[in-house]
Amino acid sequence: MKQTLPLGRVAGIPLRAHWSALGIAALIVLLLGTTVLPQAVPGYGQRQYWLVAVVTGMLFMASLLTHEAAHALIARWRGLRVGSVTLWVLGGYTELEEEAKSPQIELATATAGPLASLGIAAVTFLAYLFLPRPALVSSAAAWLFTMNLMLGLFNLLPGAPLDGGRVLHALLWRRFGDATRADRAAAGAGQTLGTTLISVGLLGAFLWSWLGGLWLAFLGWYIATSARQELAIKIARAGLRGLLVGEVMTPAPDVAPAWMNVEQLVEKVVLNSRQTVFPVVTFTGAPAGFVSLDTLAAVPPEHRNSTRVETLTTRQPPVRTLAPDEEATLLLEQAVQGQPIAALVVDGDRLVGMVTGADLGRALGQARLRTSADATS
């Protein structure tokens, strides 16, 4: 997720905040300072309300981070590779770089976050009980208790991509011994849950609170959409399983030497090729990025002779390269939406192929046909 602010590390796992999380934090502080706390405990000065609102807002964002960090730490403890933890507009996201190898591992990872939120709810409830009332601080503790309780329980709703959907997936996987069957069931539950939330949210927008209703409808839309996308990715990963990158790639593609000017490239390579994108290579044959037909066509004819290919090269940091003997499922993990090349394929330091979106689509289509043929035989 781009446009993030680093927050540090826990057990070597990067913690980040997307700019949208900062907006949500500001909104929470605003609501606490102007509405929630003044209505709950009137009679304090505005400076006191704002001070407690800022501290409470920071504690709530910390509780969201704790929820996601719990997922990450348990996943790391159970042997899974964890990329990062990111806070964003809808809470948080833990990037797992591989799927759970067993339903037991998935169940432990999925339940860690809600249990952390419910644990924080218990601590803040005890703080509310023992702090003097109707003090401003005890009111803030009550709000933190309510929000963390809701966070923990809501995430346990049985539908992907919520934690409860992962719990459901793990339980079905353990019962039936079929991860693919569990994928479809969890995704179906997620779409049903999302549709229900959309309906309730739209109804609530007309009958109760338009802001709360629209937010619930948006949340339902996100859940339903994410459930469909997650199922599509899992089906794609299953289709590519067993294939190597070398079986998917376009071998020995036409390349664009970085030292050439555009005029030379067009005359010697582009006009004689069927490709729409060309890997850019250095003198040693190492990949440096790629250049597309659209990029080349945008160079005015009078400037083509003076424009070198290396100045037009689209680089993808970090450079996404794979070896031909690596598993093709890695293509799904490395692909960037909107980029014409899913991966550059190298053998040692030499470019030997590329995987385009068309290559990936063809491999997935063939996998679906292969699965259908196996089912009817």
Protein backbone atom coordinates (compact mmCIF):
# COMPACT_ATOMS: atom_id res chain seq x y z
CA MET A 1 0.00 0.00 0.00
CA LYS A 2 1.58 3.27 -1.17
CA GLN A 3 1.65 6.68 0.53
CA THR A 4 2.41 5.36 4.00
CA LEU A 5 4.20 6.81 7.00
CA PRO A 6 6.63 4.50 8.87
CA LEU A 7 5.75 3.94 12.53
CA GLY A 8 8.65 1.69 13.52
CA ARG A 9 8.99 -2.07 13.80
CA VAL A 10 7.86 -4.86 16.08
CA ALA A 11 9.88 -8.10 15.97
CA GLY A 12 11.38 -6.82 12.71
CA ILE A 13 7.96 -6.31 11.07
CA PRO A 14 7.49 -2.79 9.60
CA LEU A 15 4.56 -0.80 11.03
CA ARG A 16 3.03 1.85 8.76
CA ALA A 17 0.12 4.28 8.58
CA HIS A 18 -1.60 5.15 5.32
CA TRP A 19 -2.55 8.82 4.93
CA SER A 20 -6.23 7.83 5.24
CA ALA A 21 -5.57 6.52 8.78
CA LEU A 22 -4.31 9.95 9.76
CA GLY A 23 -7.56 11.43 8.50
CA ILE A 24 -9.60 8.95 10.52
CA ALA A 25 -7.52 9.71 13.62
CA ALA A 26 -8.17 13.44 13.18
CA LEU A 27 -11.90 12.79 12.72
CA ILE A 28 -12.03 10.68 15.90
CA VAL A 29 -10.30 13.41 17.91
CA LEU A 30 -12.69 16.00 16.47
CA LEU A 31 -15.78 13.98 17.38
CA LEU A 32 -14.49 13.20 20.86
CA GLY A 33 -13.51 16.78 21.59
CA THR A 34 -16.63 18.48 20.23
CA THR A 35 -19.44 15.97 20.73
CA VAL A 36 -18.82 12.69 22.56
CA LEU A 37 -16.99 13.90 25.69
CA PRO A 38 -18.86 17.22 26.17
CA GLN A 39 -22.19 15.38 25.99
CA ALA A 40 -21.08 12.56 28.29
CA VAL A 41 -19.52 14.75 31.00
CA PRO A 42 -20.50 18.43 30.64
CA GLY A 43 -18.92 21.18 32.68
CA TYR A 44 -15.25 20.91 31.74
CA GLY A 45 -13.18 23.46 29.85
CA GLN A 46 -12.64 23.13 26.11
CA ARG A 47 -8.90 22.67 26.61
CA GLN A 48 -9.53 19.67 28.87
CA TYR A 49 -11.89 18.10 26.35
CA TRP A 50 -9.34 18.48 23.56
CA LEU A 51 -6.48 17.14 25.66
CA VAL A 52 -8.38 14.00 26.63
CA ALA A 53 -9.70 13.65 23.06
CA VAL A 54 -6.18 13.68 21.58
CA VAL A 55 -4.88 11.12 24.10
CA THR A 56 -7.95 8.90 23.62
CA GLY A 57 -7.67 9.09 19.85
CA MET A 58 -4.01 8.09 20.00
CA LEU A 59 -4.83 5.19 22.32
CA PHE A 60 -7.54 3.98 19.96
CA MET A 61 -5.18 4.06 16.96
CA ALA A 62 -2.65 2.19 19.10
CA SER A 63 -5.32 -0.43 19.82
CA LEU A 64 -5.92 -0.85 16.09
CA LEU A 65 -2.19 -1.30 15.60
CA THR A 66 -2.12 -3.85 18.43
CA HIS A 67 -4.95 -5.80 16.75
CA GLU A 68 -2.97 -6.09 13.51
CA ALA A 69 0.36 -6.64 15.23
CA ALA A 70 -1.18 -9.61 17.04
CA HIS A 71 -2.00 -11.18 13.66
CA ALA A 72 1.54 -10.51 12.44
CA LEU A 73 3.31 -11.84 15.53
CA ILE A 74 1.29 -15.06 15.70
CA ALA A 75 1.78 -15.59 11.96
CA ARG A 76 5.54 -15.09 12.37
CA TRP A 77 5.55 -17.43 15.38
CA ARG A 78 3.74 -20.11 13.34
CA GLY A 79 6.34 -19.89 10.56
CA LEU A 80 4.65 -17.57 8.04
CA ARG A 81 6.47 -14.73 6.27
CA VAL A 82 5.01 -11.34 7.19
CA GLY A 83 5.56 -8.28 5.01
CA SER A 84 4.19 -5.37 7.04
CA VAL A 85 1.35 -4.02 9.16
CA THR A 86 -0.50 -0.96 7.84
CA LEU A 87 -3.20 1.21 9.38
CA TRP A 88 -5.70 2.70 6.93
CA VAL A 89 -9.21 4.12 6.67
CA LEU A 90 -10.99 0.85 7.53
CA GLY A 91 -8.74 -0.14 10.40
CA GLY A 92 -5.66 -2.14 9.57
CA TYR A 93 -4.12 -4.65 7.21
CA THR A 94 -1.50 -7.33 7.86
CA GLU A 95 0.41 -8.35 4.74
CA LEU A 96 1.12 -12.08 4.82
CA GLU A 97 3.56 -13.12 2.09
CA GLU A 98 2.34 -16.71 2.07
CA GLU A 99 -0.80 -18.63 2.91
CA ALA A 100 -1.21 -20.72 6.04
CA LYS A 101 0.06 -24.25 5.59
CA SER A 102 -2.63 -25.80 7.79
CA PRO A 103 -6.06 -24.89 9.19
CA GLN A 104 -4.55 -24.82 12.68
CA ILE A 105 -2.07 -22.10 11.69
CA GLU A 106 -4.78 -20.10 9.92
CA LEU A 107 -7.10 -20.37 12.93
CA ALA A 108 -4.42 -19.18 15.35
CA THR A 109 -3.46 -16.24 13.10
CA ALA A 110 -7.07 -15.21 12.45
CA THR A 111 -8.19 -15.23 16.09
CA ALA A 112 -5.16 -13.31 17.37
CA GLY A 113 -6.46 -9.89 16.34
CA PRO A 114 -10.00 -10.11 17.77
CA LEU A 115 -8.63 -11.63 20.98
CA ALA A 116 -6.21 -8.69 21.30
CA SER A 117 -9.08 -6.21 20.82
CA LEU A 118 -11.25 -8.02 23.36
CA GLY A 119 -8.31 -8.06 25.77
CA ILE A 120 -7.91 -4.29 25.40
CA ALA A 121 -11.66 -3.93 25.94
CA ALA A 122 -11.35 -5.85 29.21
CA VAL A 123 -8.49 -3.64 30.42
CA THR A 124 -10.31 -0.41 29.57
CA PHE A 125 -13.48 -1.71 31.23
CA LEU A 126 -11.54 -2.32 34.44
CA ALA A 127 -10.09 1.19 34.13
CA TYR A 128 -13.62 2.54 33.77
CA LEU A 129 -14.77 0.68 36.87
CA PHE A 130 -11.98 1.91 39.11
CA LEU A 131 -11.58 5.47 37.84
CA PRO A 132 -13.72 8.08 39.66
CA ARG A 133 -16.98 9.03 37.92
CA PRO A 134 -18.30 10.99 36.18
CA ALA A 135 -14.73 12.08 35.52
CA LEU A 136 -13.62 12.95 32.01
CA VAL A 137 -10.96 10.25 31.98
CA SER A 138 -13.39 7.50 33.03
CA SER A 139 -15.72 8.56 30.21
CA ALA A 140 -12.84 8.24 27.75
CA ALA A 141 -12.09 4.77 29.14
CA ALA A 142 -15.74 3.79 28.62
CA TRP A 143 -15.52 4.94 24.99
CA LEU A 144 -12.32 2.94 24.42
CA PHE A 145 -13.97 -0.12 25.97
CA THR A 146 -17.00 0.19 23.69
CA MET A 147 -14.95 0.72 20.53
CA ASN A 148 -12.57 -2.18 21.18
CA LEU A 149 -15.44 -4.48 22.12
CA MET A 150 -17.19 -3.59 18.85
CA LEU A 151 -13.95 -3.99 16.92
CA GLY A 152 -13.31 -7.45 18.33
CA LEU A 153 -16.89 -8.70 17.86
CA PHE A 154 -17.37 -7.17 14.41
CA ASN A 155 -14.19 -8.77 13.12
CA LEU A 156 -15.48 -12.16 14.24
CA LEU A 157 -18.47 -11.98 11.87
CA PRO A 158 -18.23 -15.06 9.61
CA GLY A 159 -17.34 -13.71 6.19
CA ALA A 160 -14.16 -13.05 4.21
CA PRO A 161 -12.13 -10.84 4.37
CA LEU A 162 -12.93 -10.28 8.07
CA ASP A 163 -11.07 -12.30 10.69
CA GLY A 164 -14.27 -14.26 11.25
CA GLY A 165 -14.19 -15.26 7.60
CA ARG A 166 -10.69 -16.64 8.10
CA VAL A 167 -11.89 -18.49 11.19
CA LEU A 168 -14.75 -19.94 9.16
CA HIS A 169 -12.33 -20.91 6.40
CA ALA A 170 -9.99 -22.65 8.85
CA LEU A 171 -12.83 -24.59 10.48
CA LEU A 172 -14.27 -25.72 7.13
CA TRP A 173 -10.81 -26.58 5.85
CA ARG A 174 -10.20 -28.73 8.93
CA ARG A 175 -13.60 -30.40 8.66
CA PHE A 176 -13.62 -31.18 4.93
CA GLY A 177 -9.89 -31.33 4.26
CA ASP A 178 -10.43 -29.21 1.14
CA ALA A 179 -9.03 -25.66 1.16
CA THR A 180 -10.68 -24.80 -2.17
CA ARG A 181 -14.12 -25.73 -0.89
CA ALA A 182 -13.47 -23.63 2.20
CA ASP A 183 -12.36 -20.72 -0.04
CA ARG A 184 -15.69 -20.67 -1.85
CA ALA A 185 -17.73 -20.99 1.34
CA ALA A 186 -15.88 -18.17 3.14
CA ALA A 187 -16.11 -15.91 0.06
CA GLY A 188 -19.83 -16.64 -0.30
CA ALA A 189 -20.37 -15.81 3.36
CA GLY A 190 -18.43 -12.57 2.89
CA GLN A 191 -20.56 -11.51 -0.09
CA THR A 192 -23.75 -12.31 1.84
CA LEU A 193 -22.52 -10.37 4.86
CA GLY A 194 -21.49 -7.43 2.68
CA THR A 195 -24.84 -7.32 0.89
CA THR A 196 -26.67 -7.43 4.23
CA LEU A 197 -24.61 -4.54 5.60
CA ILE A 198 -25.28 -2.51 2.45
CA SER A 199 -29.02 -3.03 2.81
CA VAL A 200 -29.04 -2.22 6.53
CA GLY A 201 -26.81 0.80 5.97
CA LEU A 202 -28.98 2.27 3.22
CA LEU A 203 -32.10 1.69 5.32
CA GLY A 204 -30.41 3.30 8.30
CA ALA A 205 -29.38 6.31 6.20
CA PHE A 206 -33.07 7.03 5.54
CA LEU A 207 -34.50 6.13 8.95
CA TRP A 208 -31.81 7.02 11.54
CA SER A 209 -28.44 8.57 10.73
CA TRP A 210 -27.44 9.29 7.15
CA LEU A 211 -23.74 9.44 8.02
CA GLY A 212 -23.69 6.20 10.02
CA GLY A 213 -25.88 4.45 7.47
CA LEU A 214 -23.72 5.43 4.51
CA TRP A 215 -20.59 4.39 6.39
CA LEU A 216 -22.11 0.97 7.11
CA ALA A 217 -23.15 0.63 3.46
CA PHE A 218 -19.62 1.53 2.34
CA LEU A 219 -18.19 -1.04 4.73
CA GLY A 220 -20.58 -3.67 3.34
CA TRP A 221 -19.54 -2.80 -0.22
CA TYR A 222 -15.88 -3.18 0.73
CA ILE A 223 -16.47 -6.57 2.37
CA ALA A 224 -18.48 -7.93 -0.58
CA THR A 225 -15.97 -6.66 -3.15
CA SER A 226 -12.95 -7.91 -1.21
CA ALA A 227 -14.54 -11.35 -0.78
CA ARG A 228 -14.96 -11.67 -4.56
CA GLN A 229 -11.43 -10.46 -5.25
CA GLU A 230 -9.93 -12.73 -2.63
CA LEU A 231 -11.68 -15.76 -4.11
CA ALA A 232 -10.48 -14.83 -7.61
CA ILE A 233 -6.89 -14.59 -6.38
CA LYS A 234 -7.10 -17.95 -4.61
CA ILE A 235 -8.57 -19.62 -7.71
CA ALA A 236 -5.79 -18.08 -9.78
CA ARG A 237 -3.14 -19.27 -7.35
CA ALA A 238 -4.59 -22.79 -7.43
CA GLY A 239 -4.56 -22.70 -11.23
CA LEU A 240 -0.89 -21.73 -11.38
CA ARG A 241 0.20 -24.21 -8.73
CA GLY A 242 2.59 -26.75 -10.23
CA LEU A 243 3.66 -24.47 -13.09
CA LEU A 244 7.05 -22.78 -13.37
CA VAL A 245 7.69 -19.23 -14.50
CA GLY A 246 9.51 -20.58 -17.56
CA GLU A 247 6.31 -22.35 -18.66
CA VAL A 248 4.31 -19.12 -18.52
CA MET A 249 6.78 -16.55 -19.85
CA THR A 250 7.33 -15.24 -23.37
CA PRO A 251 10.83 -16.60 -24.08
CA ALA A 252 13.57 -14.54 -25.75
CA PRO A 253 11.47 -11.40 -26.21
CA ASP A 254 12.53 -8.50 -28.42
CA VAL A 255 14.43 -6.12 -26.17
CA ALA A 256 15.18 -2.42 -26.14
CA PRO A 257 18.90 -1.70 -25.60
CA ALA A 258 19.21 1.15 -23.14
CA TRP A 259 21.97 2.84 -25.15
CA MET A 260 19.93 3.12 -28.37
CA ASN A 261 18.05 6.22 -29.36
CA VAL A 262 14.33 5.98 -30.08
CA GLU A 263 14.80 6.31 -33.84
CA GLN A 264 17.13 3.31 -33.95
CA LEU A 265 14.89 1.24 -31.67
CA VAL A 266 11.80 1.92 -33.77
CA GLU A 267 13.50 1.05 -37.05
CA LYS A 268 15.52 -1.98 -35.91
CA VAL A 269 13.20 -3.55 -33.33
CA VAL A 270 9.72 -2.11 -32.80
CA LEU A 271 8.44 -2.07 -36.39
CA ASN A 272 9.48 -5.71 -36.84
CA SER A 273 7.97 -6.98 -33.58
CA ARG A 274 4.54 -8.15 -32.45
CA GLN A 275 5.14 -6.91 -28.90
CA THR A 276 3.55 -3.86 -27.33
CA VAL A 277 6.09 -3.61 -24.51
CA PHE A 278 9.84 -4.15 -24.59
CA PRO A 279 12.21 -5.02 -21.74
CA VAL A 280 15.09 -2.54 -21.55
CA VAL A 281 18.52 -4.16 -21.14
CA THR A 282 22.00 -2.86 -20.37
CA PHE A 283 25.26 -3.74 -22.19
CA THR A 284 25.55 -6.89 -20.05
CA GLY A 285 22.03 -8.08 -20.91
CA ALA A 286 20.70 -7.32 -17.41
CA PRO A 287 17.13 -5.94 -17.26
CA ALA A 288 16.73 -2.27 -16.41
CA GLY A 289 12.95 -1.93 -16.77
CA PHE A 290 10.68 -1.67 -19.79
CA VAL A 291 9.35 0.74 -22.39
CA SER A 292 5.95 0.57 -24.11
CA LEU A 293 4.70 1.48 -27.58
CA ASP A 294 2.66 4.32 -26.10
CA THR A 295 5.75 5.77 -24.42
CA LEU A 296 7.73 5.60 -27.66
CA ALA A 297 4.89 7.09 -29.70
CA ALA A 298 4.72 10.05 -27.31
CA VAL A 299 8.23 11.15 -28.35
CA PRO A 300 7.93 13.79 -31.13
CA PRO A 301 9.52 12.59 -34.42
CA GLU A 302 12.03 15.42 -34.39
CA HIS A 303 13.29 14.33 -30.96
CA ARG A 304 13.55 10.60 -31.57
CA ASN A 305 17.13 10.74 -32.76
CA SER A 306 18.28 12.64 -29.68
CA THR A 307 16.27 10.69 -27.06
CA ARG A 308 17.92 7.62 -25.60
CA VAL A 309 15.82 4.65 -24.54
CA GLU A 310 17.20 4.70 -21.00
CA THR A 311 15.56 8.09 -20.40
CA LEU A 312 12.14 6.60 -21.18
CA THR A 313 12.56 3.42 -19.17
CA THR A 314 9.86 2.60 -16.67
CA ARG A 315 11.57 1.16 -13.61
CA GLN A 316 9.75 -0.84 -10.97
CA PRO A 317 11.53 -0.50 -7.62
CA PRO A 318 12.37 -2.94 -6.36
CA VAL A 319 13.05 -4.46 -9.80
CA ARG A 320 10.67 -7.39 -10.04
CA THR A 321 12.55 -10.31 -11.52
CA LEU A 322 12.09 -14.06 -11.27
CA ALA A 323 14.07 -17.08 -12.38
CA PRO A 324 12.53 -19.46 -14.95
CA ASP A 325 12.60 -22.37 -12.48
CA GLU A 326 10.65 -20.54 -9.74
CA GLU A 327 6.99 -21.29 -9.02
CA ALA A 328 4.53 -19.40 -11.21
CA THR A 329 2.37 -18.56 -8.18
CA LEU A 330 4.99 -15.92 -7.34
CA LEU A 331 3.71 -13.96 -10.34
CA LEU A 332 0.49 -13.21 -8.46
CA GLU A 333 2.38 -11.94 -5.44
CA GLN A 334 4.63 -9.68 -7.51
CA ALA A 335 2.17 -8.39 -10.11
CA VAL A 336 1.32 -4.69 -9.96
CA GLN A 337 -2.10 -3.66 -11.22
CA GLY A 338 -1.93 -1.56 -14.38
CA GLN A 339 1.63 -2.56 -15.32
CA PRO A 340 1.99 -4.31 -18.70
CA ILE A 341 4.75 -6.62 -17.45
CA ALA A 342 4.08 -8.94 -14.51
CA ALA A 343 7.73 -9.94 -14.23
CA LEU A 344 11.06 -9.97 -16.04
CA VAL A 345 12.66 -13.41 -16.13
CA VAL A 346 16.41 -13.73 -15.70
CA ASP A 347 18.85 -16.60 -15.69
CA GLY A 348 21.78 -15.37 -13.67
CA ASP A 349 22.13 -11.76 -14.81
CA ARG A 350 20.80 -12.31 -18.33
CA LEU A 351 17.23 -11.60 -19.42
CA VAL A 352 15.66 -14.74 -20.89
CA GLY A 353 11.97 -13.88 -20.93
CA MET A 354 9.12 -11.74 -19.70
CA VAL A 355 5.66 -12.41 -18.35
CA THR A 356 3.01 -10.00 -19.59
CA GLY A 357 -0.58 -9.64 -18.46
CA ALA A 358 -1.59 -11.60 -21.57
CA ASP A 359 0.81 -14.44 -20.66
CA LEU A 360 -0.63 -14.59 -17.17
CA GLY A 361 -4.22 -14.51 -18.46
CA ARG A 362 -3.49 -17.30 -20.94
CA ALA A 363 -1.95 -19.49 -18.23
CA LEU A 364 -4.95 -18.98 -15.95
CA GLY A 365 -7.39 -19.73 -18.78
CA GLN A 366 -5.53 -22.92 -19.64
CA ALA A 367 -5.55 -23.89 -15.96
CA ARG A 368 -9.33 -23.52 -15.81
CA LEU A 369 -9.72 -25.67 -18.93
CA ARG A 370 -7.34 -28.23 -17.50
CA THR A 371 -9.33 -28.36 -14.25
CA SER A 372 -12.60 -28.77 -16.16
CA ALA A 373 -11.12 -31.59 -18.26
CA ASP A 374 -9.87 -33.39 -15.15
CA ALA A 375 -13.30 -33.09 -13.52
CA THR A 376 -15.12 -34.67 -16.51
CA SER A 377 -12.63 -37.48 -17.11
